[in-house]
Amino acid sequence: MDKEAQPAEVKGSNKKIVTMLVVLVFFMSGFSFALVPLYDIFCEVTGLNGKTADGPAVVSAEKADESRLVTVQFIASLNKNAPWKFKPEVFEMKVHPGQVMETSFYAENLTDDSRVAQAVPSVSPGVAARHFDKVECFCFTRQEFKPGEGRNMTLRFMVGKELPEDITTVTLSYTFFELDTVAAK
């Protein structure tokens, strides 16, 4: 049976199905692009996934809560084949909520090329991310390293006094990602 001989209602039904499928494809494409910003908003509101602020926090002049101690653990991660050395200066410290503390992470470019990288932070448990403030952090900017260059990068932070009492340990993890290779100067 050729197309000309098909009944009009079958042709109309086929057009309707094709139109619905095209609309569905456009809707699914738009929804997939919207998922990333929606997920970021969801994580920021709920504190899930340990997402922290992208910029420096403002520190109040209030006195630290010296009746409590919170253990802050530091973890550094790299891709298995990454040409970098990346590690925290200390792996753990005890802090009073509201007290500004300072530590550093060491990074070294193990190649003969200039490289650019950036650290992406994550805090766990996720609810603690809302109460972990970075005052100064190497993660706020891209880090350029000359061939073989290594350096300590400063982190100044504060655990907020509003951190729930049942949370006694907070883990700050940084993953160091290479962004691009820079031509040697």
N, C-alpha and C. Protein backbone atom coordinates (compact mmCIF):
# COMPACT_ATOMS: atom_id res chain seq x y z
N MET A 1 0.84 -1.17 0.00
CA MET A 1 0.00 0.00 0.00
C MET A 1 0.89 1.24 0.00
N ASP A 2 0.71 2.11 -0.95
CA ASP A 2 1.55 3.32 -1.01
C ASP A 2 0.93 4.41 -0.14
N LYS A 3 1.72 5.49 0.03
CA LYS A 3 1.31 6.60 0.90
C LYS A 3 0.03 7.26 0.43
N GLU A 4 -0.16 7.33 -0.87
CA GLU A 4 -1.33 7.99 -1.43
C GLU A 4 -2.60 7.24 -1.05
N ALA A 5 -2.49 5.93 -0.91
CA ALA A 5 -3.67 5.12 -0.67
C ALA A 5 -4.03 5.01 0.81
N GLN A 6 -3.17 5.52 1.74
CA GLN A 6 -3.47 5.44 3.17
C GLN A 6 -4.67 6.32 3.50
N PRO A 7 -5.50 5.86 4.42
CA PRO A 7 -6.64 6.68 4.83
C PRO A 7 -6.15 7.97 5.49
N ALA A 8 -6.93 9.02 5.39
CA ALA A 8 -6.57 10.34 5.92
C ALA A 8 -6.37 10.30 7.43
N GLU A 9 -7.14 9.48 8.14
CA GLU A 9 -6.98 9.44 9.60
C GLU A 9 -5.65 8.81 10.01
N VAL A 10 -5.10 7.86 9.25
CA VAL A 10 -3.80 7.26 9.54
C VAL A 10 -2.71 8.29 9.32
N LYS A 11 -2.78 9.07 8.23
CA LYS A 11 -1.80 10.12 7.96
C LYS A 11 -1.81 11.16 9.08
N GLY A 12 -2.99 11.57 9.49
CA GLY A 12 -3.12 12.56 10.58
C GLY A 12 -2.56 12.02 11.89
N SER A 13 -2.81 10.75 12.16
CA SER A 13 -2.31 10.13 13.39
C SER A 13 -0.78 10.06 13.37
N ASN A 14 -0.19 9.73 12.23
CA ASN A 14 1.27 9.68 12.11
C ASN A 14 1.89 11.06 12.31
N LYS A 15 1.28 12.10 11.75
CA LYS A 15 1.78 13.47 11.93
C LYS A 15 1.73 13.88 13.39
N LYS A 16 0.66 13.50 14.06
CA LYS A 16 0.49 13.83 15.48
C LYS A 16 1.59 13.17 16.32
N ILE A 17 1.89 11.90 16.04
CA ILE A 17 2.94 11.17 16.78
C ILE A 17 4.31 11.80 16.53
N VAL A 18 4.61 12.11 15.27
CA VAL A 18 5.90 12.72 14.93
C VAL A 18 6.03 14.08 15.63
N THR A 19 4.98 14.88 15.61
CA THR A 19 5.01 16.19 16.28
C THR A 19 5.25 16.02 17.78
N MET A 20 4.57 15.08 18.40
CA MET A 20 4.75 14.84 19.84
C MET A 20 6.18 14.40 20.14
N LEU A 21 6.76 13.56 19.29
CA LEU A 21 8.14 13.10 19.50
C LEU A 21 9.14 14.24 19.37
N VAL A 22 8.94 15.12 18.40
CA VAL A 22 9.84 16.27 18.23
C VAL A 22 9.75 17.19 19.44
N VAL A 23 8.54 17.47 19.92
CA VAL A 23 8.36 18.31 21.11
C VAL A 23 9.02 17.65 22.32
N LEU A 24 8.86 16.34 22.46
CA LEU A 24 9.47 15.61 23.58
C LEU A 24 11.00 15.71 23.54
N VAL A 25 11.60 15.58 22.37
CA VAL A 25 13.06 15.70 22.23
C VAL A 25 13.53 17.08 22.65
N PHE A 26 12.83 18.15 22.20
CA PHE A 26 13.21 19.51 22.60
C PHE A 26 13.05 19.71 24.11
N PHE A 27 11.98 19.18 24.68
CA PHE A 27 11.76 19.30 26.12
C PHE A 27 12.87 18.59 26.90
N MET A 28 13.22 17.38 26.49
CA MET A 28 14.26 16.62 27.19
C MET A 28 15.61 17.31 27.07
N SER A 29 15.92 17.89 25.93
CA SER A 29 17.19 18.61 25.76
C SER A 29 17.24 19.83 26.69
N GLY A 30 16.18 20.60 26.73
CA GLY A 30 16.13 21.77 27.61
C GLY A 30 16.23 21.38 29.07
N PHE A 31 15.56 20.29 29.45
CA PHE A 31 15.60 19.83 30.83
C PHE A 31 17.01 19.39 31.22
N SER A 32 17.72 18.73 30.31
CA SER A 32 19.08 18.28 30.64
C SER A 32 20.02 19.46 30.86
N PHE A 33 19.84 20.56 30.12
CA PHE A 33 20.67 21.75 30.33
C PHE A 33 20.31 22.43 31.66
N ALA A 34 19.07 22.34 32.08
CA ALA A 34 18.63 22.98 33.32
C ALA A 34 19.05 22.19 34.56
N LEU A 35 19.40 20.93 34.41
CA LEU A 35 19.72 20.10 35.57
C LEU A 35 20.94 20.59 36.35
N VAL A 36 21.98 21.03 35.67
CA VAL A 36 23.20 21.45 36.37
C VAL A 36 22.94 22.64 37.28
N PRO A 37 22.35 23.75 36.80
CA PRO A 37 22.08 24.84 37.73
C PRO A 37 21.07 24.47 38.81
N LEU A 38 20.09 23.63 38.48
CA LEU A 38 19.12 23.21 39.49
C LEU A 38 19.80 22.38 40.57
N TYR A 39 20.72 21.51 40.18
CA TYR A 39 21.46 20.70 41.15
C TYR A 39 22.32 21.59 42.05
N ASP A 40 23.00 22.59 41.46
CA ASP A 40 23.81 23.52 42.26
C ASP A 40 22.96 24.25 43.30
N ILE A 41 21.79 24.71 42.88
CA ILE A 41 20.89 25.40 43.82
C ILE A 41 20.43 24.44 44.91
N PHE A 42 20.06 23.24 44.53
CA PHE A 42 19.62 22.24 45.50
C PHE A 42 20.71 21.96 46.53
N CYS A 43 21.97 21.77 46.07
CA CYS A 43 23.08 21.49 46.98
C CYS A 43 23.36 22.68 47.90
N GLU A 44 23.26 23.89 47.37
CA GLU A 44 23.50 25.08 48.18
C GLU A 44 22.45 25.24 49.27
N VAL A 45 21.18 24.98 48.94
CA VAL A 45 20.09 25.14 49.89
C VAL A 45 20.13 24.05 50.95
N THR A 46 20.39 22.81 50.54
CA THR A 46 20.32 21.69 51.48
C THR A 46 21.66 21.37 52.14
N GLY A 47 22.77 21.84 51.57
CA GLY A 47 24.08 21.49 52.10
C GLY A 47 24.52 20.10 51.67
N LEU A 48 23.77 19.47 50.79
CA LEU A 48 24.14 18.15 50.30
C LEU A 48 25.38 18.23 49.43
N ASN A 49 26.09 17.13 49.34
CA ASN A 49 27.27 17.00 48.49
C ASN A 49 28.43 17.85 48.96
N GLY A 50 28.34 18.45 50.14
CA GLY A 50 29.46 19.17 50.72
C GLY A 50 29.93 20.38 49.97
N LYS A 51 29.08 20.96 49.14
CA LYS A 51 29.47 22.12 48.34
C LYS A 51 29.65 23.33 49.25
N THR A 52 30.78 24.01 49.08
CA THR A 52 31.08 25.18 49.89
C THR A 52 30.99 26.44 49.04
N ALA A 53 31.07 27.59 49.69
CA ALA A 53 30.99 28.87 48.98
C ALA A 53 32.17 29.02 48.02
N ASP A 54 31.94 29.78 46.94
CA ASP A 54 32.97 29.99 45.92
C ASP A 54 33.90 31.16 46.24
N GLY A 55 33.62 31.91 47.28
CA GLY A 55 34.42 33.09 47.59
C GLY A 55 34.69 33.19 49.08
N PRO A 56 35.50 34.18 49.46
CA PRO A 56 35.87 34.31 50.87
C PRO A 56 34.68 34.67 51.76
N ALA A 57 34.72 34.12 52.97
CA ALA A 57 33.69 34.41 53.96
C ALA A 57 34.10 35.63 54.78
N VAL A 58 33.11 36.30 55.32
CA VAL A 58 33.36 37.43 56.21
C VAL A 58 33.36 36.87 57.64
N VAL A 59 34.39 37.20 58.39
CA VAL A 59 34.53 36.68 59.74
C VAL A 59 34.07 37.72 60.74
N SER A 60 33.23 37.28 61.67
CA SER A 60 32.76 38.21 62.70
C SER A 60 33.81 38.31 63.81
N ALA A 61 33.72 39.35 64.61
CA ALA A 61 34.68 39.59 65.68
C ALA A 61 34.26 38.89 66.98
N GLU A 62 33.23 38.05 66.90
CA GLU A 62 32.77 37.34 68.10
C GLU A 62 33.84 36.37 68.59
N LYS A 63 33.80 36.13 69.88
CA LYS A 63 34.76 35.22 70.50
C LYS A 63 34.44 33.77 70.14
N ALA A 64 35.47 32.97 70.00
CA ALA A 64 35.31 31.56 69.68
C ALA A 64 34.64 30.82 70.83
N ASP A 65 33.97 29.72 70.51
CA ASP A 65 33.32 28.87 71.51
C ASP A 65 34.37 27.90 72.06
N GLU A 66 35.00 28.29 73.16
CA GLU A 66 36.09 27.49 73.72
C GLU A 66 35.61 26.29 74.53
N SER A 67 34.29 26.12 74.64
CA SER A 67 33.75 24.97 75.36
C SER A 67 33.68 23.74 74.45
N ARG A 68 33.92 23.91 73.15
CA ARG A 68 33.83 22.82 72.19
C ARG A 68 35.10 22.71 71.36
N LEU A 69 35.39 21.50 70.97
CA LEU A 69 36.46 21.24 70.02
C LEU A 69 35.90 20.40 68.87
N VAL A 70 36.26 20.77 67.67
CA VAL A 70 35.86 20.03 66.48
C VAL A 70 37.13 19.60 65.77
N THR A 71 37.18 18.35 65.36
CA THR A 71 38.31 17.85 64.60
C THR A 71 38.07 18.14 63.13
N VAL A 72 39.04 18.81 62.48
CA VAL A 72 38.96 19.07 61.05
C VAL A 72 40.03 18.22 60.37
N GLN A 73 39.59 17.38 59.45
CA GLN A 73 40.50 16.52 58.70
C GLN A 73 40.69 17.11 57.30
N PHE A 74 41.90 16.94 56.75
CA PHE A 74 42.22 17.48 55.43
C PHE A 74 42.63 16.34 54.51
N ILE A 75 42.02 16.32 53.33
CA ILE A 75 42.31 15.28 52.34
C ILE A 75 42.62 15.96 51.01
N ALA A 76 43.62 15.44 50.30
CA ALA A 76 43.99 15.95 48.98
C ALA A 76 43.88 14.80 47.98
N SER A 77 43.22 15.06 46.86
CA SER A 77 43.02 14.03 45.84
C SER A 77 43.52 14.49 44.48
N LEU A 78 44.03 13.54 43.73
CA LEU A 78 44.48 13.77 42.35
C LEU A 78 44.01 12.61 41.50
N ASN A 79 43.90 12.85 40.20
CA ASN A 79 43.72 11.78 39.25
C ASN A 79 44.96 10.88 39.35
N LYS A 80 44.79 9.59 39.23
CA LYS A 80 45.90 8.64 39.38
C LYS A 80 47.09 8.96 38.49
N ASN A 81 46.86 9.45 37.29
CA ASN A 81 47.95 9.71 36.34
C ASN A 81 48.31 11.19 36.26
N ALA A 82 47.81 12.00 37.16
CA ALA A 82 48.07 13.45 37.11
C ALA A 82 49.54 13.73 37.40
N PRO A 83 50.14 14.67 36.66
CA PRO A 83 51.56 14.98 36.84
C PRO A 83 51.78 16.00 37.96
N TRP A 84 51.20 15.76 39.11
CA TRP A 84 51.27 16.69 40.23
C TRP A 84 51.57 15.95 41.51
N LYS A 85 52.10 16.69 42.46
CA LYS A 85 52.16 16.26 43.85
C LYS A 85 51.22 17.22 44.56
N PHE A 86 50.35 16.71 45.42
CA PHE A 86 49.37 17.55 46.12
C PHE A 86 49.05 16.91 47.46
N LYS A 87 49.29 17.65 48.54
CA LYS A 87 49.05 17.08 49.87
C LYS A 87 48.83 18.20 50.90
N PRO A 88 48.10 17.89 51.97
CA PRO A 88 47.92 18.89 53.03
C PRO A 88 49.16 18.99 53.90
N GLU A 89 49.39 20.17 54.49
CA GLU A 89 50.50 20.37 55.43
C GLU A 89 50.29 19.51 56.67
N VAL A 90 49.06 19.51 57.18
CA VAL A 90 48.68 18.65 58.30
C VAL A 90 47.44 17.87 57.87
N PHE A 91 47.25 16.71 58.45
CA PHE A 91 46.11 15.89 58.06
C PHE A 91 44.91 16.08 58.98
N GLU A 92 45.15 16.71 60.14
CA GLU A 92 44.07 16.88 61.10
C GLU A 92 44.44 17.96 62.10
N MET A 93 43.45 18.74 62.54
CA MET A 93 43.67 19.70 63.62
C MET A 93 42.39 19.86 64.42
N LYS A 94 42.56 20.22 65.66
CA LYS A 94 41.42 20.49 66.56
C LYS A 94 41.20 21.99 66.58
N VAL A 95 39.93 22.41 66.42
CA VAL A 95 39.62 23.83 66.39
C VAL A 95 38.41 24.11 67.28
N HIS A 96 38.36 25.33 67.79
CA HIS A 96 37.18 25.80 68.51
C HIS A 96 36.28 26.48 67.48
N PRO A 97 34.98 26.16 67.47
CA PRO A 97 34.08 26.86 66.54
C PRO A 97 34.17 28.36 66.75
N GLY A 98 34.25 29.09 65.64
CA GLY A 98 34.38 30.55 65.69
C GLY A 98 35.81 31.03 65.67
N GLN A 99 36.77 30.13 65.73
CA GLN A 99 38.19 30.46 65.74
C GLN A 99 38.74 30.39 64.30
N VAL A 100 39.41 31.45 63.85
CA VAL A 100 40.02 31.43 62.52
C VAL A 100 41.34 30.67 62.62
N MET A 101 41.49 29.69 61.74
CA MET A 101 42.69 28.84 61.74
C MET A 101 43.37 28.94 60.38
N GLU A 102 44.63 28.59 60.35
CA GLU A 102 45.39 28.63 59.10
C GLU A 102 46.19 27.35 58.92
N THR A 103 46.21 26.87 57.70
CA THR A 103 47.04 25.74 57.32
C THR A 103 47.41 25.93 55.85
N SER A 104 48.05 24.96 55.25
CA SER A 104 48.36 25.08 53.83
C SER A 104 48.39 23.70 53.18
N PHE A 105 48.32 23.72 51.87
CA PHE A 105 48.46 22.52 51.06
C PHE A 105 49.66 22.75 50.16
N TYR A 106 50.41 21.69 49.90
CA TYR A 106 51.57 21.77 49.03
C TYR A 106 51.21 21.18 47.67
N ALA A 107 51.54 21.92 46.61
CA ALA A 107 51.33 21.42 45.25
C ALA A 107 52.63 21.60 44.47
N GLU A 108 52.90 20.64 43.61
CA GLU A 108 54.12 20.70 42.80
C GLU A 108 53.82 20.17 41.40
N ASN A 109 54.26 20.92 40.40
CA ASN A 109 54.15 20.54 39.00
C ASN A 109 55.33 19.61 38.70
N LEU A 110 55.07 18.37 38.36
CA LEU A 110 56.12 17.39 38.13
C LEU A 110 56.52 17.28 36.66
N THR A 111 56.13 18.26 35.84
CA THR A 111 56.44 18.20 34.40
C THR A 111 57.45 19.27 34.00
N ASP A 112 57.84 19.24 32.74
CA ASP A 112 58.74 20.23 32.17
C ASP A 112 57.96 21.34 31.45
N ASP A 113 56.66 21.39 31.66
CA ASP A 113 55.79 22.40 31.04
C ASP A 113 55.12 23.24 32.12
N SER A 114 54.78 24.47 31.78
CA SER A 114 53.96 25.28 32.69
C SER A 114 52.56 24.70 32.68
N ARG A 115 51.93 24.68 33.84
CA ARG A 115 50.60 24.09 33.99
C ARG A 115 49.71 24.98 34.84
N VAL A 116 48.40 24.87 34.61
CA VAL A 116 47.42 25.60 35.40
C VAL A 116 46.44 24.59 36.00
N ALA A 117 46.14 24.76 37.28
CA ALA A 117 45.23 23.84 37.96
C ALA A 117 44.38 24.63 38.95
N GLN A 118 43.34 23.98 39.44
CA GLN A 118 42.51 24.58 40.47
C GLN A 118 41.98 23.48 41.37
N ALA A 119 41.89 23.80 42.65
CA ALA A 119 41.37 22.86 43.63
C ALA A 119 39.87 23.08 43.81
N VAL A 120 39.14 21.99 43.90
CA VAL A 120 37.69 22.05 44.12
C VAL A 120 37.42 21.43 45.49
N PRO A 121 36.82 22.22 46.42
CA PRO A 121 36.61 21.73 47.77
C PRO A 121 35.29 20.97 47.94
N SER A 122 35.27 20.13 48.94
CA SER A 122 34.06 19.43 49.36
C SER A 122 34.17 19.19 50.86
N VAL A 123 33.05 19.34 51.56
CA VAL A 123 33.04 19.16 53.01
C VAL A 123 32.07 18.04 53.34
N SER A 124 32.48 17.19 54.28
CA SER A 124 31.55 16.18 54.77
C SER A 124 31.62 16.14 56.30
N PRO A 125 30.53 15.84 56.97
CA PRO A 125 29.23 15.56 56.40
C PRO A 125 28.66 16.78 55.69
N GLY A 126 27.78 16.55 54.73
CA GLY A 126 27.25 17.62 53.89
C GLY A 126 26.65 18.78 54.65
N VAL A 127 25.97 18.50 55.76
CA VAL A 127 25.35 19.58 56.54
C VAL A 127 26.40 20.53 57.12
N ALA A 128 27.61 20.06 57.31
CA ALA A 128 28.69 20.90 57.86
C ALA A 128 29.18 21.93 56.85
N ALA A 129 28.91 21.73 55.57
CA ALA A 129 29.36 22.67 54.53
C ALA A 129 28.82 24.07 54.78
N ARG A 130 27.61 24.17 55.32
CA ARG A 130 27.01 25.48 55.62
C ARG A 130 27.71 26.19 56.76
N HIS A 131 28.48 25.44 57.54
CA HIS A 131 29.13 26.00 58.73
C HIS A 131 30.65 26.01 58.61
N PHE A 132 31.15 25.76 57.42
CA PHE A 132 32.60 25.77 57.18
C PHE A 132 32.91 26.96 56.28
N ASP A 133 33.56 27.97 56.83
CA ASP A 133 33.83 29.21 56.09
C ASP A 133 35.30 29.32 55.75
N LYS A 134 35.58 29.51 54.46
CA LYS A 134 36.96 29.73 54.01
C LYS A 134 37.16 31.25 53.90
N VAL A 135 38.08 31.79 54.69
CA VAL A 135 38.36 33.22 54.70
C VAL A 135 39.34 33.55 53.57
N GLU A 136 40.31 32.69 53.39
CA GLU A 136 41.31 32.82 52.33
C GLU A 136 41.60 31.41 51.84
N CYS A 137 41.54 31.23 50.52
CA CYS A 137 41.75 29.87 50.03
C CYS A 137 42.34 29.89 48.62
N PHE A 138 43.29 29.03 48.41
CA PHE A 138 43.90 28.86 47.09
C PHE A 138 42.87 28.32 46.09
N CYS A 139 41.77 27.79 46.59
CA CYS A 139 40.75 27.23 45.69
C CYS A 139 39.91 28.30 45.00
N PHE A 140 40.02 29.55 45.44
CA PHE A 140 39.23 30.62 44.83
C PHE A 140 39.75 31.02 43.46
N THR A 141 41.02 30.72 43.17
CA THR A 141 41.62 31.14 41.90
C THR A 141 42.38 30.00 41.24
N ARG A 142 42.61 30.17 39.96
CA ARG A 142 43.43 29.23 39.21
C ARG A 142 44.89 29.41 39.66
N GLN A 143 45.61 28.32 39.71
CA GLN A 143 47.01 28.34 40.15
C GLN A 143 47.90 27.98 38.97
N GLU A 144 48.81 28.90 38.60
CA GLU A 144 49.74 28.62 37.52
C GLU A 144 51.08 28.21 38.11
N PHE A 145 51.63 27.13 37.58
CA PHE A 145 52.92 26.60 38.04
C PHE A 145 53.88 26.52 36.86
N LYS A 146 55.10 26.98 37.09
CA LYS A 146 56.16 26.85 36.10
C LYS A 146 56.66 25.40 36.13
N PRO A 147 57.43 24.98 35.15
CA PRO A 147 57.95 23.61 35.15
C PRO A 147 58.70 23.29 36.45
N GLY A 148 58.32 22.20 37.09
CA GLY A 148 58.98 21.75 38.32
C GLY A 148 58.70 22.60 39.55
N GLU A 149 57.86 23.63 39.44
CA GLU A 149 57.60 24.52 40.58
C GLU A 149 56.69 23.84 41.61
N GLY A 150 57.05 24.05 42.88
CA GLY A 150 56.22 23.59 43.99
C GLY A 150 56.05 24.72 44.98
N ARG A 151 54.90 24.76 45.65
CA ARG A 151 54.69 25.82 46.65
C ARG A 151 53.59 25.43 47.62
N ASN A 152 53.67 26.08 48.80
CA ASN A 152 52.61 25.96 49.80
C ASN A 152 51.53 26.98 49.47
N MET A 153 50.28 26.55 49.56
CA MET A 153 49.15 27.42 49.26
C MET A 153 48.29 27.53 50.52
N THR A 154 47.99 28.77 50.92
CA THR A 154 47.35 29.04 52.20
C THR A 154 45.85 28.79 52.19
N LEU A 155 45.40 28.27 53.32
CA LEU A 155 43.97 28.12 53.60
C LEU A 155 43.73 28.69 54.99
N ARG A 156 42.88 29.72 55.07
CA ARG A 156 42.41 30.26 56.35
C ARG A 156 40.93 29.97 56.42
N PHE A 157 40.50 29.35 57.53
CA PHE A 157 39.12 28.91 57.62
C PHE A 157 38.59 29.05 59.04
N MET A 158 37.28 28.88 59.15
CA MET A 158 36.64 28.90 60.45
C MET A 158 35.44 27.94 60.40
N VAL A 159 35.31 27.15 61.45
CA VAL A 159 34.12 26.32 61.62
C VAL A 159 33.14 27.18 62.40
N GLY A 160 31.95 27.37 61.85
CA GLY A 160 30.95 28.23 62.48
C GLY A 160 30.43 27.68 63.80
N LYS A 161 30.09 28.59 64.69
CA LYS A 161 29.57 28.20 66.00
C LYS A 161 28.20 27.53 65.90
N GLU A 162 27.53 27.71 64.78
CA GLU A 162 26.21 27.12 64.58
C GLU A 162 26.28 25.65 64.15
N LEU A 163 27.50 25.12 63.98
CA LEU A 163 27.65 23.71 63.62
C LEU A 163 26.91 22.87 64.67
N PRO A 164 26.03 21.96 64.23
CA PRO A 164 25.29 21.13 65.20
C PRO A 164 26.23 20.43 66.18
N GLU A 165 25.80 20.37 67.43
CA GLU A 165 26.61 19.80 68.53
C GLU A 165 27.02 18.35 68.25
N ASP A 166 26.17 17.59 67.55
CA ASP A 166 26.48 16.17 67.33
C ASP A 166 27.56 15.95 66.28
N ILE A 167 27.96 17.00 65.57
CA ILE A 167 29.05 16.86 64.58
C ILE A 167 30.36 17.23 65.26
N THR A 168 31.22 16.26 65.42
CA THR A 168 32.50 16.48 66.11
C THR A 168 33.68 16.40 65.15
N THR A 169 33.45 15.89 63.95
CA THR A 169 34.51 15.78 62.95
C THR A 169 33.99 16.30 61.61
N VAL A 170 34.78 17.17 60.99
CA VAL A 170 34.47 17.72 59.68
C VAL A 170 35.65 17.40 58.77
N THR A 171 35.37 16.92 57.58
CA THR A 171 36.43 16.59 56.63
C THR A 171 36.36 17.55 55.45
N LEU A 172 37.48 18.23 55.20
CA LEU A 172 37.62 19.11 54.04
C LEU A 172 38.49 18.38 53.03
N SER A 173 37.91 18.12 51.88
CA SER A 173 38.62 17.41 50.83
C SER A 173 38.78 18.32 49.62
N TYR A 174 39.98 18.34 49.06
CA TYR A 174 40.25 19.09 47.84
C TYR A 174 40.64 18.12 46.74
N THR A 175 40.05 18.30 45.58
CA THR A 175 40.49 17.57 44.39
C THR A 175 41.16 18.58 43.48
N PHE A 176 42.38 18.29 43.09
CA PHE A 176 43.20 19.20 42.29
C PHE A 176 43.07 18.79 40.84
N PHE A 177 42.48 19.68 40.02
CA PHE A 177 42.24 19.41 38.60
C PHE A 177 43.14 20.27 37.75
N GLU A 178 43.73 19.66 36.73
CA GLU A 178 44.49 20.44 35.76
C GLU A 178 43.50 21.10 34.80
N LEU A 179 43.68 22.40 34.58
CA LEU A 179 42.76 23.13 33.70
C LEU A 179 43.28 23.17 32.27
N ASP A 180 44.55 23.52 32.11
CA ASP A 180 45.14 23.54 30.78
C ASP A 180 46.65 23.66 30.90
N THR A 181 47.32 23.45 29.79
CA THR A 181 48.77 23.60 29.75
C THR A 181 49.10 24.97 29.19
N VAL A 182 50.05 25.66 29.79
CA VAL A 182 50.43 27.01 29.37
C VAL A 182 51.76 26.92 28.63
N ALA A 183 51.88 27.66 27.56
CA ALA A 183 53.15 27.66 26.82
C ALA A 183 54.24 28.24 27.71
N ALA A 184 55.39 27.59 27.75
CA ALA A 184 56.51 28.08 28.57
C ALA A 184 56.93 29.44 28.12
N LYS A 185 57.23 30.29 29.07
CA LYS A 185 57.61 31.68 28.76
C LYS A 185 59.09 31.87 28.85
